[in-house]
Protein backbone atom coordinates (compact mmCIF):
# COMPACT_ATOMS: atom_id res chain seq x y z
CA MET A 1 -23.55 57.92 20.48
CA THR A 2 -23.14 55.09 22.97
CA PHE A 3 -25.70 53.01 21.17
CA SER A 4 -23.87 53.25 17.86
CA THR A 5 -20.48 52.50 19.51
CA GLU A 6 -21.92 49.38 21.17
CA THR A 7 -23.52 48.34 17.90
CA VAL A 8 -20.27 48.80 15.99
CA ARG A 9 -18.37 46.89 18.66
CA TRP A 10 -20.92 44.06 18.49
CA LEU A 11 -20.76 43.97 14.68
CA VAL A 12 -16.94 43.89 14.75
CA THR A 13 -17.03 41.05 17.29
CA VAL A 14 -19.48 39.08 15.15
CA ALA A 15 -17.39 39.75 12.03
CA LEU A 16 -14.22 38.58 13.81
CA GLY A 17 -16.04 35.46 15.03
CA ILE A 18 -17.25 34.62 11.55
CA TYR A 19 -13.79 35.33 10.11
CA SER A 20 -12.04 33.13 12.70
CA TRP A 21 -14.59 30.33 12.13
CA PHE A 22 -14.02 30.54 8.37
CA ILE A 23 -10.20 30.53 8.75
CA GLY A 24 -10.37 27.62 11.22
CA ARG A 25 -12.51 25.68 8.80
CA GLN A 26 -10.05 26.29 5.98
CA ALA A 27 -7.17 25.18 8.19
CA ALA A 28 -9.04 21.98 9.00
CA SER A 29 -9.68 21.46 5.32
CA ALA A 30 -5.99 21.99 4.56
CA ALA A 31 -5.02 19.46 7.22
CA GLU A 32 -7.56 16.98 5.85
CA LEU A 33 -6.27 17.60 2.33
CA LEU A 34 -2.69 16.97 3.48
CA ASP A 35 -3.81 13.76 5.18
CA LEU A 36 -5.60 12.62 2.03
CA ARG A 37 -2.57 13.41 -0.14
CA THR A 38 -0.35 11.40 2.20
CA ARG A 39 -2.74 8.47 2.14
CA ILE A 40 -3.02 8.55 -1.66
CA THR A 41 0.77 8.68 -2.05
CA THR A 42 1.14 5.71 0.31
CA LEU A 43 -1.58 3.81 -1.54
CA GLU A 44 0.06 4.50 -4.92
CA ALA A 45 3.41 3.26 -3.62
CA ASP A 46 1.78 0.11 -2.26
CA MET A 47 -0.12 -0.53 -5.50
CA LYS A 48 3.12 -0.37 -7.52
CA GLN A 49 4.33 -3.43 -5.60
CA VAL A 50 1.17 -5.47 -6.19
CA PRO A 51 1.63 -8.05 -8.98
CA SER A 52 -0.48 -7.71 -12.10
CA GLN A 53 -3.12 -10.20 -13.15
CA GLN A 54 -0.78 -11.72 -15.74
CA GLN A 55 1.93 -12.17 -13.10
CA LEU A 56 -0.53 -13.87 -10.74
CA HIS A 57 -1.68 -16.16 -13.56
CA ALA A 58 1.93 -17.10 -14.38
CA LEU A 59 2.58 -17.76 -10.69
CA ALA A 60 -0.49 -20.01 -10.46
CA LEU A 61 0.73 -21.98 -13.50
CA ASN A 62 4.20 -22.36 -11.97
CA VAL A 63 2.74 -23.59 -8.67
CA SER A 64 0.60 -26.13 -10.50
CA ASP A 65 3.66 -27.33 -12.46
CA LEU A 66 5.60 -27.67 -9.21
CA ARG A 67 2.76 -29.61 -7.64
CA GLY A 68 2.84 -32.05 -10.54
CA SER A 69 6.63 -32.41 -10.26
CA VAL A 70 6.44 -33.10 -6.51
CA GLU A 71 3.74 -35.72 -7.03
CA ALA A 72 5.85 -37.40 -9.73
CA MET A 73 8.88 -37.44 -7.42
CA GLY A 74 6.73 -38.92 -4.67
CA GLN A 75 5.69 -41.75 -6.99
CA ARG A 76 9.33 -42.40 -7.89
CA ILE A 77 10.44 -42.39 -4.23
CA ASP A 78 7.74 -44.84 -3.03
CA PRO A 79 9.50 -47.93 -4.51
CA LEU A 80 12.80 -46.81 -2.97
CA VAL A 81 11.14 -46.53 0.43
CA ARG A 82 9.78 -50.07 0.09
CA VAL A 83 13.23 -51.40 -0.87
CA MET A 84 14.82 -49.64 2.10
CA ASP A 85 12.16 -51.10 4.40
CA ARG A 86 12.92 -54.59 3.10
CA ILE A 87 16.67 -54.08 3.57
CA GLU A 88 16.11 -52.80 7.10
CA THR A 89 13.86 -55.74 7.93
CA HIS A 90 16.41 -58.17 6.52
CA LEU A 91 19.24 -56.62 8.52
CA LEU A 92 17.19 -56.60 11.72
CA ASN A 93 16.12 -60.23 11.30
CA LYS A 94 19.53 -61.49 10.22
CA LYS A 95 21.01 -63.85 12.80
CA ASP A 96 24.70 -64.40 12.81
């Protein structure tokens, strides 16, 4: 009788160990699943703010247009700078 009681006790202990291991593994999987869901939700929210390829192309065209406009303004300002330099030189060298 003692042998069978010890055997049953051992089997119950092993069964409880296996059950607790299985439950602990499921809990870890649930935590990992929650973490993955959070990360995916964050990633989706971030991706909604990323511009599309068409928007990036339009932006590149606008930047290139602006670059051309700035270069054209620079070419128009260069003669004015030379005139101002001449006026400054004249005023500095003027003797009253």
